[in-house]
Amino acid sequence: MDNVTFEQIDTNNDGLLSFEEIQQALSNPNLPEKTIRALFEAFDVNEDGFISREEAMQKIVQVPAGKEKLVEEFKALDVNGDGVLTFDEFYEGMKEQMSCEEIENIYRQLDKDNDEAITLDEFIMSQILLCHSSIRSSQANIDRSTACLTEVIQNLCVSENMDACSKMLQEARKRQLILTWPSKKRQYKRTPFAEYKNMVSHVFQEASQGGLVLDQSGVTSALAKLGKYVDAAQVSKLAGQVGTEENAVDQQHFLAINLKLLAKEVKSKTQSRLSALSKPRTKVGELTVEDYLQQEAETKAKQQDQSNKKTSKPLTRRLSTTSSMNMKIYPL
């Protein structure tokens, strides 16, 4: 990125670009704020609320994570801690990034001896294959997304390019959210529940600007701030699942939606015990999001079991009564 251009945008000369400075650089009054927000969030890679010179020079396209990050992800997927990934463990970790067929193909390529076990080195290779697969499947989008910050800003300032560039940014941000959500989700599940609840509350207040409810667009925007991409149809479905209207989501239901998104892969009791042995401990007695979700799932299972037993009791009584009525007594 050209140093002069960066310095022109960086009006307070602190070496970082804030959202307000990006807004000032984009003086086009017809440019929606959501497009500016998408631009800012796409380049704010570390999500600290500022764009550094290094981030501004980077391309929007995602690249495989560094080895240290991949080691962390491998350990998170290795539920039983035996140092290898079974197909089920690998599938659980990859299913939001690839189709079932792609997962199976890559797993078979890596599992040379067909022993249903992938080592750490093989897992790192799978990430490289995943990146290459993404490049082949969406080369046109990637070509349009390999612009640095100033190039995107210049395109947005030109009226005839604004719509096309806005769509490109929305797509780039969507891809970014989809790619990073699995690791975000794992991070959230390990977060203390009280801390996570406060974070969701803060995002809700910011998105609603102090209001009591969010509409469909507001929910989409707020979930994106938390790292999850959803479209209008998904918001409608999620709102229905937690018992509210898509255009009247209050803070309590917004939290319920977030927990719903995290609860889709709640582990069994056995998996939870095995996972607990390898994951880092929080403070004594501190409930994590994953703990909370597990408790909720177990409570619902017990309630369902009790409900089933109550339903079956009258039938048992009737059968017992009928049997005793039909029973013949033979003399000794």
Protein backbone atom coordinates (compact mmCIF):
# COMPACT_ATOMS: atom_id res chain seq x y z
CA MET A 1 0.00 0.00 0.00
CA ASP A 2 1.26 3.49 -0.84
CA ASN A 3 2.55 5.21 2.35
CA VAL A 4 1.22 8.63 1.36
CA THR A 5 -2.27 7.24 0.76
CA PHE A 6 -2.29 5.52 4.12
CA GLU A 7 -1.12 8.71 5.82
CA GLN A 8 -3.83 10.73 4.05
CA ILE A 9 -6.50 8.45 5.51
CA ASP A 10 -4.79 8.32 8.92
CA THR A 11 -5.81 11.88 9.90
CA ASN A 12 -4.62 11.64 13.52
CA ASN A 13 -1.27 10.11 12.49
CA ASP A 14 -1.38 7.26 15.01
CA GLY A 15 -0.49 4.59 12.46
CA LEU A 16 -3.93 3.01 12.67
CA LEU A 17 -7.15 3.54 10.72
CA SER A 18 -10.38 3.82 12.69
CA PHE A 19 -13.86 3.24 11.30
CA GLU A 20 -14.48 7.01 11.39
CA GLU A 21 -11.33 7.68 9.34
CA ILE A 22 -12.47 5.16 6.73
CA GLN A 23 -15.86 6.90 6.64
CA GLN A 24 -14.19 10.25 6.05
CA ALA A 25 -12.08 8.81 3.24
CA LEU A 26 -15.24 7.50 1.57
CA SER A 27 -16.99 10.80 0.96
CA ASN A 28 -19.62 9.33 -1.41
CA PRO A 29 -23.01 10.16 0.22
CA ASN A 30 -24.75 7.31 -1.66
CA LEU A 31 -22.56 4.66 -0.05
CA PRO A 32 -24.52 2.65 2.58
CA GLU A 33 -22.93 2.41 6.04
CA LYS A 34 -23.21 -1.39 5.92
CA THR A 35 -20.84 -1.41 2.92
CA ILE A 36 -18.32 0.74 4.79
CA ARG A 37 -18.72 -1.57 7.79
CA ALA A 38 -18.12 -4.62 5.59
CA LEU A 39 -14.97 -2.98 4.20
CA PHE A 40 -13.67 -2.16 7.66
CA GLU A 41 -14.40 -5.59 9.13
CA ALA A 42 -12.86 -7.38 6.14
CA PHE A 43 -9.50 -5.66 6.73
CA ASP A 44 -9.62 -5.57 10.53
CA VAL A 45 -8.22 -9.09 10.67
CA ASN A 46 -7.42 -9.21 14.41
CA GLU A 47 -10.75 -7.53 15.28
CA ASP A 48 -9.21 -4.90 17.55
CA GLY A 49 -11.31 -2.08 16.09
CA PHE A 50 -8.49 -0.60 13.98
CA ILE A 51 -6.77 -1.33 10.67
CA SER A 52 -2.99 -1.36 10.89
CA ARG A 53 -0.68 -0.64 7.97
CA GLU A 54 0.05 -4.37 7.68
CA GLU A 55 -3.65 -5.27 7.63
CA ALA A 56 -4.35 -2.59 5.01
CA MET A 57 -1.70 -4.09 2.74
CA GLN A 58 -3.09 -7.60 2.97
CA LYS A 59 -5.48 -9.14 0.51
CA ILE A 60 -8.98 -10.12 1.62
CA VAL A 61 -8.47 -13.76 0.64
CA GLN A 62 -8.02 -16.16 3.56
CA VAL A 63 -4.86 -18.30 3.77
CA PRO A 64 -4.16 -21.41 5.85
CA ALA A 65 -3.51 -20.65 9.51
CA GLY A 66 0.03 -20.85 10.91
CA LYS A 67 1.29 -24.11 12.35
CA GLU A 68 0.71 -23.10 15.99
CA LYS A 69 -2.94 -22.32 15.25
CA LEU A 70 -3.37 -25.62 13.41
CA VAL A 71 -1.88 -27.52 16.37
CA GLU A 72 -4.51 -25.90 18.62
CA GLU A 73 -7.29 -26.83 16.21
CA PHE A 74 -5.99 -30.40 15.96
CA LYS A 75 -6.04 -30.78 19.75
CA ALA A 76 -9.58 -29.34 19.89
CA LEU A 77 -10.78 -31.91 17.34
CA ASP A 78 -8.92 -34.81 18.96
CA VAL A 79 -11.70 -35.54 21.47
CA ASN A 80 -10.12 -38.57 23.12
CA GLY A 81 -6.63 -37.07 23.12
CA ASP A 82 -4.95 -40.07 21.47
CA GLY A 83 -2.91 -37.94 19.05
CA VAL A 84 -4.81 -38.93 15.89
CA LEU A 85 -8.13 -37.98 14.30
CA THR A 86 -10.73 -40.59 13.42
CA PHE A 87 -13.02 -39.94 10.46
CA ASP A 88 -15.83 -38.88 12.81
CA GLU A 89 -13.58 -36.38 14.59
CA PHE A 90 -12.27 -35.03 11.28
CA TYR A 91 -15.81 -34.78 9.86
CA GLU A 92 -17.08 -32.83 12.90
CA GLY A 93 -14.29 -30.28 12.48
CA MET A 94 -14.55 -29.88 8.71
CA LYS A 95 -18.29 -30.18 7.96
CA GLU A 96 -18.90 -26.41 7.98
CA GLN A 97 -16.05 -25.80 5.55
CA MET A 98 -16.56 -28.60 3.02
CA SER A 99 -19.23 -30.91 1.72
CA CYS A 100 -19.41 -34.50 2.98
CA GLU A 101 -17.98 -35.75 -0.32
CA GLU A 102 -15.02 -33.36 -0.17
CA ILE A 103 -14.31 -34.34 3.45
CA GLU A 104 -14.31 -38.02 2.55
CA ASN A 105 -12.06 -37.47 -0.49
CA ILE A 106 -9.46 -35.49 1.48
CA TYR A 107 -9.58 -37.94 4.39
CA ARG A 108 -8.96 -40.89 2.04
CA GLN A 109 -6.07 -39.03 0.40
CA LEU A 110 -4.43 -38.49 3.78
CA ASP A 111 -5.23 -41.86 5.35
CA LYS A 112 -2.76 -43.78 3.17
CA ASP A 113 -2.80 -47.01 5.21
CA ASN A 114 -6.59 -47.00 5.68
CA ASP A 115 -6.33 -47.26 9.46
CA GLU A 116 -8.98 -44.55 10.05
CA ALA A 117 -6.46 -42.27 11.79
CA ILE A 118 -4.93 -38.93 10.72
CA THR A 119 -1.80 -37.58 12.41
CA LEU A 120 -1.01 -33.91 13.12
CA ASP A 121 1.20 -33.60 10.03
CA GLU A 122 -1.55 -35.10 7.87
CA PHE A 123 -4.08 -32.67 9.38
CA ILE A 124 -1.87 -29.70 8.45
CA MET A 125 -1.70 -31.08 4.91
CA SER A 126 -5.52 -31.27 4.86
CA GLN A 127 -5.69 -27.50 5.48
CA ILE A 128 -3.44 -26.92 2.47
CA LEU A 129 -5.68 -29.14 0.34
CA LEU A 130 -8.72 -27.26 1.65
CA CYS A 131 -7.21 -23.94 0.63
CA HIS A 132 -6.41 -25.23 -2.86
CA SER A 133 -9.95 -26.61 -3.19
CA SER A 134 -11.43 -23.24 -2.26
CA ILE A 135 -9.23 -21.47 -4.80
CA ARG A 136 -10.33 -23.80 -7.60
CA SER A 137 -14.02 -23.54 -6.73
CA SER A 138 -14.19 -19.75 -6.46
CA GLN A 139 -11.31 -18.38 -8.55
CA ALA A 140 -13.43 -15.59 -10.05
CA ASN A 141 -14.43 -14.27 -6.63
CA ILE A 142 -10.88 -14.50 -5.33
CA ASP A 143 -9.53 -12.58 -8.31
CA ARG A 144 -11.96 -9.76 -7.61
CA SER A 145 -11.14 -9.81 -3.90
CA THR A 146 -7.37 -9.47 -4.12
CA ALA A 147 -7.39 -5.69 -3.77
CA CYS A 148 -5.75 -3.87 -0.88
CA LEU A 149 -7.63 -1.27 1.16
CA THR A 150 -6.83 1.81 -0.91
CA GLU A 151 -7.75 0.06 -4.18
CA VAL A 152 -11.13 -0.89 -2.76
CA ILE A 153 -11.70 2.67 -1.48
CA GLN A 154 -10.86 4.10 -4.89
CA ASN A 155 -13.39 1.78 -6.52
CA LEU A 156 -16.07 2.69 -4.00
CA CYS A 157 -15.57 6.39 -4.69
CA VAL A 158 -16.33 5.88 -8.40
CA SER A 159 -20.11 5.88 -8.93
CA GLU A 160 -20.17 3.35 -11.78
CA ASN A 161 -18.04 0.89 -9.75
CA MET A 162 -19.81 1.37 -6.43
CA ASP A 163 -22.52 -1.30 -6.75
CA ALA A 164 -20.20 -3.99 -8.07
CA CYS A 165 -17.56 -3.21 -5.46
CA SER A 166 -20.17 -3.20 -2.67
CA LYS A 167 -21.35 -6.66 -3.70
CA MET A 168 -17.76 -7.87 -3.82
CA LEU A 169 -17.20 -6.65 -0.27
CA GLN A 170 -20.35 -8.32 1.01
CA GLU A 171 -19.29 -11.61 -0.58
CA ALA A 172 -15.75 -11.30 0.74
CA ARG A 173 -17.05 -10.63 4.25
CA LYS A 174 -19.46 -13.56 3.97
CA ARG A 175 -16.63 -15.93 3.00
CA GLN A 176 -14.48 -14.58 5.80
CA LEU A 177 -17.20 -15.22 8.40
CA ILE A 178 -17.91 -18.74 7.10
CA LEU A 179 -14.23 -19.67 7.17
CA THR A 180 -13.55 -18.33 10.66
CA TRP A 181 -16.80 -19.43 12.37
CA PRO A 182 -15.69 -22.98 13.35
CA SER A 183 -12.74 -21.65 15.38
CA LYS A 184 -14.89 -18.83 16.79
CA LYS A 185 -17.48 -21.36 17.91
CA ARG A 186 -14.88 -23.47 19.69
CA GLN A 187 -13.54 -20.35 21.38
CA TYR A 188 -17.02 -19.28 22.54
CA LYS A 189 -17.79 -22.71 23.98
CA ARG A 190 -14.71 -22.49 26.19
CA THR A 191 -15.62 -18.99 27.39
CA PRO A 192 -17.11 -18.57 30.89
CA PHE A 193 -20.88 -18.40 30.47
CA ALA A 194 -21.25 -15.13 32.41
CA GLU A 195 -18.58 -13.48 30.25
CA TYR A 196 -20.18 -14.73 27.03
CA LYS A 197 -23.61 -13.51 28.16
CA ASN A 198 -22.20 -10.03 28.84
CA MET A 199 -20.50 -9.97 25.44
CA VAL A 200 -23.74 -10.89 23.63
CA SER A 201 -25.59 -8.26 25.65
CA HIS A 202 -23.04 -5.59 24.64
CA VAL A 203 -23.36 -6.50 20.95
CA PHE A 204 -27.17 -6.36 21.22
CA GLN A 205 -27.11 -2.91 22.86
CA GLU A 206 -24.71 -1.62 20.22
CA ALA A 207 -26.73 -3.03 17.32
CA SER A 208 -30.08 -1.83 18.72
CA GLN A 209 -28.58 1.56 19.69
CA GLY A 210 -30.11 1.22 23.13
CA GLY A 211 -33.45 -0.05 21.81
CA LEU A 212 -35.46 -3.01 23.08
CA VAL A 213 -35.60 -5.13 19.90
CA LEU A 214 -33.72 -5.88 16.69
CA ASP A 215 -35.31 -6.36 13.29
CA GLN A 216 -34.17 -8.99 10.80
CA SER A 217 -31.39 -6.80 9.40
CA GLY A 218 -30.24 -5.89 12.91
CA VAL A 219 -30.01 -9.55 13.93
CA THR A 220 -27.96 -10.34 10.82
CA SER A 221 -25.59 -7.46 11.55
CA ALA A 222 -25.27 -8.31 15.26
CA LEU A 223 -24.54 -11.98 14.57
CA ALA A 224 -21.87 -10.92 12.06
CA LYS A 225 -20.20 -8.92 14.84
CA LEU A 226 -20.05 -12.15 16.81
CA GLY A 227 -18.55 -13.95 13.80
CA LYS A 228 -21.57 -15.81 12.38
CA TYR A 229 -22.98 -15.27 8.89
CA VAL A 230 -26.73 -15.75 8.50
CA ASP A 231 -29.11 -14.71 5.72
CA ALA A 232 -32.73 -13.51 6.04
CA ALA A 233 -34.19 -17.01 5.78
CA GLN A 234 -31.90 -18.30 8.53
CA VAL A 235 -32.82 -15.39 10.83
CA SER A 236 -36.50 -16.16 10.31
CA LYS A 237 -35.95 -19.86 11.10
CA LEU A 238 -33.84 -19.14 14.19
CA ALA A 239 -36.35 -16.61 15.53
CA GLY A 240 -39.13 -19.17 15.18
CA GLN A 241 -37.08 -21.83 16.96
CA VAL A 242 -36.60 -19.61 20.03
CA GLY A 243 -40.23 -18.46 20.03
CA THR A 244 -40.16 -14.89 18.70
CA GLU A 245 -40.79 -12.85 15.54
CA GLU A 246 -37.92 -12.20 13.15
CA ASN A 247 -38.46 -8.41 13.29
CA ALA A 248 -38.94 -8.20 17.07
CA VAL A 249 -35.99 -10.01 18.65
CA ASP A 250 -35.34 -8.77 22.20
CA GLN A 251 -32.14 -9.25 24.18
CA GLN A 252 -33.25 -12.49 25.83
CA HIS A 253 -34.23 -14.08 22.52
CA PHE A 254 -31.03 -12.80 20.88
CA LEU A 255 -29.02 -14.67 23.52
CA ALA A 256 -31.19 -17.74 22.90
CA ILE A 257 -30.42 -17.54 19.16
CA ASN A 258 -26.68 -17.39 19.86
CA LEU A 259 -26.86 -20.37 22.19
CA LYS A 260 -28.91 -22.22 19.57
CA LEU A 261 -26.12 -21.71 17.05
CA LEU A 262 -23.56 -23.05 19.50
CA ALA A 263 -25.72 -25.92 20.74
CA LYS A 264 -25.99 -27.70 17.39
CA GLU A 265 -23.01 -29.88 18.25
CA VAL A 266 -23.35 -30.48 21.98
CA LYS A 267 -21.23 -33.49 22.93
CA SER A 268 -22.43 -36.66 24.56
CA LYS A 269 -21.58 -37.31 28.22
CA THR A 270 -18.69 -39.58 27.28
CA GLN A 271 -17.25 -37.08 24.80
CA SER A 272 -17.58 -34.28 27.36
CA ARG A 273 -15.64 -36.27 29.97
CA LEU A 274 -12.86 -37.04 27.50
CA SER A 275 -12.75 -33.45 26.27
CA ALA A 276 -12.64 -32.12 29.84
CA LEU A 277 -9.39 -34.01 30.46
CA SER A 278 -7.54 -32.20 27.66
CA LYS A 279 -9.06 -28.71 27.61
CA PRO A 280 -7.58 -25.89 29.74
CA ARG A 281 -9.31 -25.35 33.06
CA THR A 282 -11.20 -22.16 33.92
CA LYS A 283 -11.46 -20.89 37.48
CA VAL A 284 -12.78 -23.36 40.03
CA GLY A 285 -16.56 -23.57 39.82
CA GLU A 286 -16.73 -21.35 36.70
CA LEU A 287 -19.35 -22.51 34.24
CA THR A 288 -18.32 -22.39 30.57
CA VAL A 289 -20.73 -22.00 27.67
CA GLU A 290 -20.17 -25.64 26.75
CA ASP A 291 -20.95 -26.71 30.33
CA TYR A 292 -24.15 -24.66 30.25
CA LEU A 293 -25.24 -26.13 26.92
CA GLN A 294 -24.50 -29.65 28.16
CA GLN A 295 -26.57 -29.09 31.28
CA GLU A 296 -29.46 -27.71 29.23
CA ALA A 297 -29.31 -30.68 26.85
CA GLU A 298 -29.29 -33.16 29.72
CA THR A 299 -32.20 -31.38 31.46
CA LYS A 300 -34.28 -31.50 28.29
CA ALA A 301 -33.45 -35.17 27.80
CA LYS A 302 -34.60 -35.96 31.35
CA GLN A 303 -37.81 -33.98 30.87
CA GLN A 304 -38.50 -35.80 27.62
CA ASP A 305 -37.81 -39.14 29.29
CA GLN A 306 -40.21 -38.33 32.14
CA SER A 307 -42.84 -37.18 29.67
CA ASN A 308 -42.52 -40.45 27.75
CA LYS A 309 -42.88 -42.46 30.96
CA LYS A 310 -46.03 -40.55 31.96
CA THR A 311 -47.51 -41.16 28.53
CA SER A 312 -46.83 -44.89 28.71
CA LYS A 313 -48.18 -45.45 32.27
CA PRO A 314 -51.94 -45.34 31.49
CA LEU A 315 -51.44 -47.87 28.71
CA THR A 316 -49.53 -50.15 31.11
CA ARG A 317 -52.32 -49.92 33.68
CA ARG A 318 -54.98 -50.73 31.08
CA LEU A 319 -53.01 -53.73 29.87
CA SER A 320 -52.52 -54.91 33.44
CA THR A 321 -56.23 -54.53 34.26
CA THR A 322 -57.29 -56.31 31.08
CA SER A 323 -54.90 -59.15 31.75
CA SER A 324 -56.22 -59.66 35.30
CA MET A 325 -59.84 -59.61 34.06
CA ASN A 326 -59.09 -62.26 31.46
CA MET A 327 -57.10 -64.41 33.84
CA LYS A 328 -58.72 -67.78 34.57
CA ILE A 329 -58.48 -69.28 38.04
CA TYR A 330 -58.00 -73.02 38.07
CA PRO A 331 -58.77 -75.11 41.15
CA LEU A 332 -55.86 -76.72 42.94
